[in-house]
Amino acid sequence: MSSTTNPQKELTPLTRAALQVVAGGSAGFVEVCIMQPLDVVKTRMQLGGGVHQYKGVFDCFSKMYRHEGLYSFWKGILPPVIAETPKRAIKFVIFEQTKPLFLFGAPAPTPLTFSLAGLTAGLLEAIAVNPFEVVKVAQQADKTKMKEAQSTWSVTKQIIQKDGFGFRGLNKGVTATMGRNGVFNMVYFGFYHSVKNIVPAYDDHTKEFLRKVLIGFTSGTLACFVNIPFDVAKSRIQGPQPQPGVIKYKSTFGSMALVYREEGFRALYKGLAPKIMRLGPGGAIMLLVFEYAYEYLQKKCL
């Protein structure tokens, strides 16, 4: 990441971390507000079944709009909005702060450094965000019209009253979330920073912006391909079970094996199209907002 520094003044580690928190939170908020409809569609396609069968991304969009209304595309947005600021703050701060731990004697960060720091950030981020994911998936799985759907707080209270805070309640599917986020961030950060350091930068601001957009988009897309089976398992574990009162999807790898055995290999990639449509551009948005916000804040503090 490029930064402008004043030779007469250096930021303290604490100040630098605080700026990373603000920049990371801003990146998450912007990304989730823009890309939430695709996250809803992705979850619906991964859950499958129900009253309305979805043949593809646009069929899902069409049926949701027809049966549930326009605002249904933002179902479950409150949990991620509440969670995204600390989530992205955790992600970017941990990534930046743990890079020195994975240098392994090298004078500068290597692709392995970026990948391991990204993996660490993703694993810790997942633990913090999982309760919000449980509530979000429950809301996104609700096929009633938006005005009839339960509020975020009602759904949260219902989950706690029924199943508590443990691995059957608000922390249901935490290992699947850790697998999804850990693998995603390992590829996402590893690819982005490694390629960005190899591909020459442009002096022209527009060309440099487009260079970063392209690398960020590719990073998000590749990470989606790698982590989608974990995402499918997470949706099955956290979503409504096929038979009420019977927990069919329990463990992460057990759920993957069950989906593969009953529905075939392609079922492990359900929701890939809307996921890429969201996290391809979403990945670029997050990295660019973070970098430009962090650079702007650095300049203001120096």
Protein backbone atom coordinates (compact mmCIF):
# COMPACT_ATOMS: atom_id res chain seq x y z
CA MET A 1 0.00 0.00 0.00
CA SER A 2 1.35 3.38 -0.95
CA SER A 3 1.49 6.00 1.75
CA THR A 4 2.66 9.58 2.01
CA THR A 5 4.86 10.24 5.02
CA ASN A 6 6.45 13.34 6.42
CA PRO A 7 10.16 12.79 7.17
CA GLN A 8 9.80 15.11 10.18
CA LYS A 9 6.96 13.12 11.70
CA GLU A 10 6.02 9.45 11.89
CA LEU A 11 2.73 7.96 13.03
CA THR A 12 2.85 5.91 16.21
CA PRO A 13 1.78 2.23 15.96
CA LEU A 14 -1.35 3.04 18.00
CA THR A 15 -2.33 5.91 15.69
CA ARG A 16 -1.68 3.76 12.62
CA ALA A 17 -3.91 1.00 14.05
CA ALA A 18 -6.66 3.53 14.84
CA LEU A 19 -6.58 4.82 11.25
CA GLN A 20 -6.78 1.24 9.97
CA VAL A 21 -9.88 0.71 12.14
CA VAL A 22 -11.61 3.78 10.65
CA ALA A 23 -10.59 2.97 7.06
CA GLY A 24 -11.55 -0.70 7.41
CA GLY A 25 -14.92 0.11 8.94
CA SER A 26 -15.65 2.60 6.15
CA ALA A 27 -14.75 0.02 3.52
CA GLY A 28 -17.10 -2.56 5.03
CA PHE A 29 -20.04 -0.17 5.38
CA VAL A 30 -19.83 1.03 1.77
CA GLU A 31 -19.45 -2.50 0.39
CA VAL A 32 -22.38 -4.04 2.26
CA CYS A 33 -24.83 -1.24 1.41
CA ILE A 34 -24.09 -1.59 -2.31
CA MET A 35 -23.83 -5.37 -2.59
CA GLN A 36 -26.44 -6.69 -0.08
CA PRO A 37 -29.05 -7.76 -2.73
CA LEU A 38 -26.57 -10.22 -4.23
CA ASP A 39 -25.82 -11.67 -0.80
CA VAL A 40 -29.55 -12.31 -0.26
CA VAL A 41 -29.85 -14.03 -3.66
CA LYS A 42 -26.73 -16.11 -2.97
CA THR A 43 -28.14 -17.35 0.34
CA ARG A 44 -31.54 -18.19 -1.19
CA MET A 45 -29.90 -20.24 -3.94
CA GLN A 46 -27.68 -22.08 -1.47
CA LEU A 47 -30.62 -22.99 0.78
CA GLY A 48 -32.67 -24.33 -2.14
CA GLY A 49 -36.11 -25.91 -1.95
CA GLY A 50 -39.13 -24.14 -0.52
CA VAL A 51 -42.18 -22.70 -2.23
CA HIS A 52 -40.21 -20.94 -4.97
CA GLN A 53 -37.53 -22.90 -6.82
CA TYR A 54 -34.82 -20.70 -8.30
CA LYS A 55 -33.36 -21.63 -11.69
CA GLY A 56 -30.64 -18.98 -11.62
CA VAL A 57 -29.60 -15.54 -10.39
CA PHE A 58 -32.04 -13.55 -12.50
CA ASP A 59 -34.88 -16.00 -11.87
CA CYS A 60 -34.28 -15.55 -8.14
CA PHE A 61 -34.26 -11.76 -8.49
CA SER A 62 -37.50 -11.91 -10.53
CA LYS A 63 -39.37 -14.23 -8.14
CA MET A 64 -38.26 -12.37 -5.04
CA TYR A 65 -39.37 -9.06 -6.55
CA ARG A 66 -42.69 -10.52 -7.69
CA HIS A 67 -43.59 -12.37 -4.47
CA GLU A 68 -41.84 -10.32 -1.78
CA GLY A 69 -41.31 -6.82 -3.17
CA LEU A 70 -38.31 -4.60 -3.91
CA TYR A 71 -37.18 -4.17 -0.31
CA SER A 72 -36.80 -7.94 0.09
CA PHE A 73 -33.38 -7.60 -1.55
CA TRP A 74 -32.21 -5.85 1.61
CA LYS A 75 -33.57 -8.49 4.00
CA GLY A 76 -31.14 -9.12 6.81
CA ILE A 77 -29.14 -5.95 6.09
CA LEU A 78 -29.12 -4.67 9.69
CA PRO A 79 -26.90 -7.46 11.10
CA PRO A 80 -24.18 -6.98 8.45
CA VAL A 81 -24.40 -3.18 8.70
CA ILE A 82 -23.94 -3.43 12.47
CA ALA A 83 -21.25 -6.08 12.04
CA GLU A 84 -19.35 -4.71 9.03
CA THR A 85 -17.63 -1.82 10.80
CA PRO A 86 -16.00 -3.98 13.50
CA LYS A 87 -15.66 -6.90 11.07
CA ARG A 88 -13.69 -5.01 8.45
CA ALA A 89 -11.82 -3.13 11.15
CA ILE A 90 -10.75 -6.47 12.63
CA LYS A 91 -9.89 -7.85 9.19
CA PHE A 92 -7.68 -5.00 8.04
CA VAL A 93 -6.07 -4.25 11.41
CA ILE A 94 -5.17 -7.89 12.04
CA PHE A 95 -3.88 -8.26 8.48
CA GLU A 96 -1.67 -5.20 8.75
CA GLN A 97 -0.50 -5.95 12.30
CA THR A 98 0.30 -9.65 11.76
CA LYS A 99 2.30 -9.26 8.56
CA PRO A 100 5.59 -8.83 10.51
CA LEU A 101 4.93 -12.17 12.26
CA PHE A 102 4.98 -14.02 8.95
CA LEU A 103 8.10 -12.52 7.38
CA PHE A 104 10.16 -15.56 8.47
CA GLY A 105 13.39 -13.58 8.18
CA ALA A 106 12.60 -12.07 4.78
CA PRO A 107 13.45 -8.34 4.40
CA ALA A 108 10.02 -7.60 2.87
CA PRO A 109 6.59 -9.28 2.83
CA THR A 110 6.30 -12.28 0.50
CA PRO A 111 3.16 -13.91 -1.00
CA LEU A 112 3.25 -16.36 1.93
CA THR A 113 3.31 -13.42 4.35
CA PHE A 114 0.20 -11.87 2.79
CA SER A 115 -1.62 -15.23 2.64
CA LEU A 116 -0.95 -16.22 6.27
CA ALA A 117 -1.80 -12.75 7.57
CA GLY A 118 -5.03 -12.89 5.53
CA LEU A 119 -5.85 -16.35 6.90
CA THR A 120 -5.33 -15.13 10.48
CA ALA A 121 -7.50 -12.06 9.86
CA GLY A 122 -10.28 -14.18 8.36
CA LEU A 123 -10.34 -16.71 11.20
CA LEU A 124 -10.55 -14.06 13.93
CA GLU A 125 -13.02 -11.97 11.97
CA ALA A 126 -15.31 -15.00 11.62
CA ILE A 127 -15.52 -15.57 15.37
CA ALA A 128 -16.62 -11.96 15.91
CA VAL A 129 -19.15 -11.88 13.10
CA ASN A 130 -20.77 -15.34 13.30
CA PRO A 131 -23.73 -14.40 15.56
CA PHE A 132 -24.67 -11.67 13.06
CA GLU A 133 -24.42 -14.23 10.24
CA VAL A 134 -26.82 -16.59 12.02
CA VAL A 135 -29.43 -13.83 12.32
CA LYS A 136 -28.82 -12.62 8.76
CA VAL A 137 -29.29 -16.10 7.23
CA ALA A 138 -32.49 -16.62 9.25
CA GLN A 139 -33.88 -13.36 7.87
CA GLN A 140 -32.74 -14.03 4.31
CA ALA A 141 -34.37 -17.47 4.37
CA ASP A 142 -37.74 -15.90 5.26
CA LYS A 143 -39.87 -15.88 2.08
CA THR A 144 -42.68 -13.65 3.37
CA LYS A 145 -43.19 -10.12 2.08
CA MET A 146 -40.82 -7.56 3.59
CA LYS A 147 -43.57 -5.76 5.54
CA GLU A 148 -44.66 -9.09 7.08
CA ALA A 149 -41.15 -10.32 7.89
CA GLN A 150 -39.88 -10.34 11.47
CA SER A 151 -37.49 -7.61 12.57
CA THR A 152 -33.80 -8.28 13.24
CA TRP A 153 -34.35 -7.92 16.98
CA SER A 154 -37.32 -10.32 16.96
CA VAL A 155 -35.34 -12.95 15.07
CA THR A 156 -32.35 -12.54 17.41
CA LYS A 157 -34.54 -12.86 20.51
CA GLN A 158 -36.27 -15.90 19.05
CA ILE A 159 -32.95 -17.67 18.35
CA ILE A 160 -31.65 -16.92 21.86
CA GLN A 161 -34.88 -18.04 23.55
CA LYS A 162 -35.02 -21.26 21.57
CA ASP A 163 -31.36 -22.30 21.31
CA GLY A 164 -29.29 -19.88 23.42
CA PHE A 165 -25.86 -18.47 22.61
CA GLY A 166 -24.06 -21.77 22.00
CA PHE A 167 -23.31 -23.88 18.95
CA ARG A 168 -27.00 -24.53 18.33
CA GLY A 169 -27.94 -20.89 18.80
CA LEU A 170 -26.14 -17.64 17.97
CA ASN A 171 -22.83 -19.44 17.43
CA LYS A 172 -24.25 -22.10 15.15
CA GLY A 173 -21.96 -22.86 12.20
CA VAL A 174 -18.98 -20.93 13.59
CA THR A 175 -16.45 -23.43 12.22
CA ALA A 176 -18.00 -23.15 8.75
CA THR A 177 -17.81 -19.36 9.01
CA MET A 178 -14.16 -19.61 10.06
CA GLY A 179 -13.43 -21.88 7.11
CA ARG A 180 -15.25 -19.57 4.71
CA ASN A 181 -13.66 -16.34 5.93
CA GLY A 182 -10.22 -17.82 6.57
CA VAL A 183 -9.87 -19.35 3.11
CA PHE A 184 -11.38 -16.30 1.41
CA ASN A 185 -9.02 -13.82 3.05
CA MET A 186 -5.99 -16.05 2.54
CA VAL A 187 -6.57 -15.99 -1.24
CA TYR A 188 -7.96 -12.44 -1.32
CA PHE A 189 -5.08 -10.67 0.46
CA GLY A 190 -2.42 -13.08 -0.79
CA PHE A 191 -3.30 -12.57 -4.44
CA TYR A 192 -4.06 -8.83 -4.27
CA HIS A 193 -0.91 -7.67 -2.55
CA SER A 194 1.39 -10.10 -4.35
CA VAL A 195 0.10 -9.15 -7.82
CA LYS A 196 -0.13 -5.44 -6.98
CA ASN A 197 3.56 -5.46 -6.09
CA ILE A 198 4.46 -7.22 -9.36
CA VAL A 199 2.32 -5.29 -11.85
CA PRO A 200 3.92 -1.85 -12.41
CA ALA A 201 2.01 1.13 -11.01
CA TYR A 202 0.88 4.00 -13.24
CA ASP A 203 1.63 7.68 -12.68
CA ASP A 204 -1.75 8.51 -14.20
CA HIS A 205 -4.34 8.45 -11.39
CA THR A 206 -7.15 7.02 -13.56
CA LYS A 207 -5.00 4.18 -14.90
CA GLU A 208 -3.68 3.44 -11.41
CA PHE A 209 -7.24 3.34 -10.06
CA LEU A 210 -8.31 0.92 -12.80
CA ARG A 211 -5.22 -1.24 -12.18
CA LYS A 212 -6.20 -1.64 -8.53
CA VAL A 213 -9.87 -2.25 -9.43
CA LEU A 214 -8.90 -5.05 -11.82
CA ILE A 215 -6.55 -6.72 -9.32
CA GLY A 216 -9.12 -6.34 -6.52
CA PHE A 217 -11.90 -7.79 -8.69
CA THR A 218 -9.73 -10.76 -9.67
CA SER A 219 -8.74 -11.33 -6.03
CA GLY A 220 -12.36 -11.42 -4.88
CA THR A 221 -13.38 -13.71 -7.76
CA LEU A 222 -10.61 -16.25 -7.15
CA ALA A 223 -11.34 -16.28 -3.42
CA CYS A 224 -15.02 -17.02 -4.17
CA PHE A 225 -14.12 -20.08 -6.25
CA VAL A 226 -11.96 -21.47 -3.46
CA ASN A 227 -14.24 -20.87 -0.47
CA ILE A 228 -17.75 -21.47 -1.88
CA PRO A 229 -18.10 -25.05 -0.48
CA PHE A 230 -17.57 -23.65 3.03
CA ASP A 231 -20.21 -21.00 2.29
CA VAL A 232 -22.73 -23.63 1.16
CA ALA A 233 -22.08 -25.66 4.31
CA LYS A 234 -22.49 -22.52 6.43
CA SER A 235 -25.85 -21.67 4.82
CA ARG A 236 -27.13 -25.23 5.32
CA ILE A 237 -26.05 -25.33 8.97
CA GLN A 238 -27.35 -21.86 9.85
CA GLY A 239 -30.47 -21.94 7.67
CA PRO A 240 -33.78 -23.75 8.26
CA GLN A 241 -33.34 -27.55 8.37
CA PRO A 242 -35.26 -29.56 5.72
CA GLN A 243 -37.27 -31.39 8.40
CA PRO A 244 -38.41 -29.32 11.43
CA GLY A 245 -37.01 -30.64 14.67
CA VAL A 246 -34.32 -32.74 12.97
CA ILE A 247 -30.80 -31.29 12.60
CA LYS A 248 -29.58 -32.67 9.28
CA TYR A 249 -26.59 -30.37 8.70
CA LYS A 250 -24.24 -30.33 11.69
CA SER A 251 -20.48 -30.18 11.07
CA THR A 252 -18.75 -28.26 8.28
CA PHE A 253 -17.13 -31.13 6.40
CA GLY A 254 -20.02 -33.46 7.26
CA SER A 255 -22.41 -31.00 5.60
CA MET A 256 -20.18 -30.75 2.53
CA ALA A 257 -20.08 -34.53 2.25
CA LEU A 258 -23.86 -34.76 2.66
CA VAL A 259 -24.51 -32.13 -0.02
CA TYR A 260 -22.07 -33.88 -2.38
CA ARG A 261 -23.59 -37.32 -1.74
CA GLU A 262 -27.23 -36.25 -2.13
CA GLU A 263 -27.02 -33.46 -4.70
CA GLY A 264 -23.72 -33.91 -6.52
CA PHE A 265 -20.49 -31.90 -6.86
CA ARG A 266 -22.15 -28.90 -8.51
CA ALA A 267 -24.33 -28.36 -5.43
CA LEU A 268 -21.18 -27.37 -3.51
CA TYR A 269 -20.98 -24.38 -5.85
CA LYS A 270 -24.59 -23.22 -5.48
CA GLY A 271 -24.80 -19.46 -5.29
CA LEU A 272 -21.38 -19.01 -6.94
CA ALA A 273 -22.68 -16.59 -9.61
CA PRO A 274 -24.27 -14.07 -7.19
CA LYS A 275 -21.33 -14.54 -4.82
CA ILE A 276 -18.88 -13.54 -7.57
CA MET A 277 -21.20 -10.75 -8.71
CA ARG A 278 -21.07 -9.45 -5.15
CA LEU A 279 -17.54 -10.19 -3.97
CA GLY A 280 -15.77 -9.59 -7.28
CA PRO A 281 -16.65 -5.88 -7.42
CA GLY A 282 -17.21 -5.90 -3.64
CA GLY A 283 -13.65 -7.09 -3.10
CA ALA A 284 -12.37 -4.25 -5.26
CA ILE A 285 -14.58 -1.72 -3.46
CA MET A 286 -13.34 -2.80 -0.02
CA LEU A 287 -9.65 -2.72 -0.85
CA LEU A 288 -9.86 0.59 -2.69
CA VAL A 289 -11.98 2.33 -0.04
CA PHE A 290 -9.58 1.06 2.63
CA GLU A 291 -6.45 2.14 0.77
CA TYR A 292 -7.70 5.58 -0.23
CA ALA A 293 -9.33 6.25 3.15
CA TYR A 294 -6.21 5.11 5.00
CA GLU A 295 -3.96 7.23 2.78
CA TYR A 296 -6.24 10.26 3.24
CA LEU A 297 -6.27 9.83 7.04
CA GLN A 298 -2.50 9.45 7.11
CA LYS A 299 -2.08 12.75 5.27
CA LYS A 300 -4.46 14.46 7.70
CA CYS A 301 -2.49 13.21 10.69
CA LEU A 302 0.97 14.13 9.37
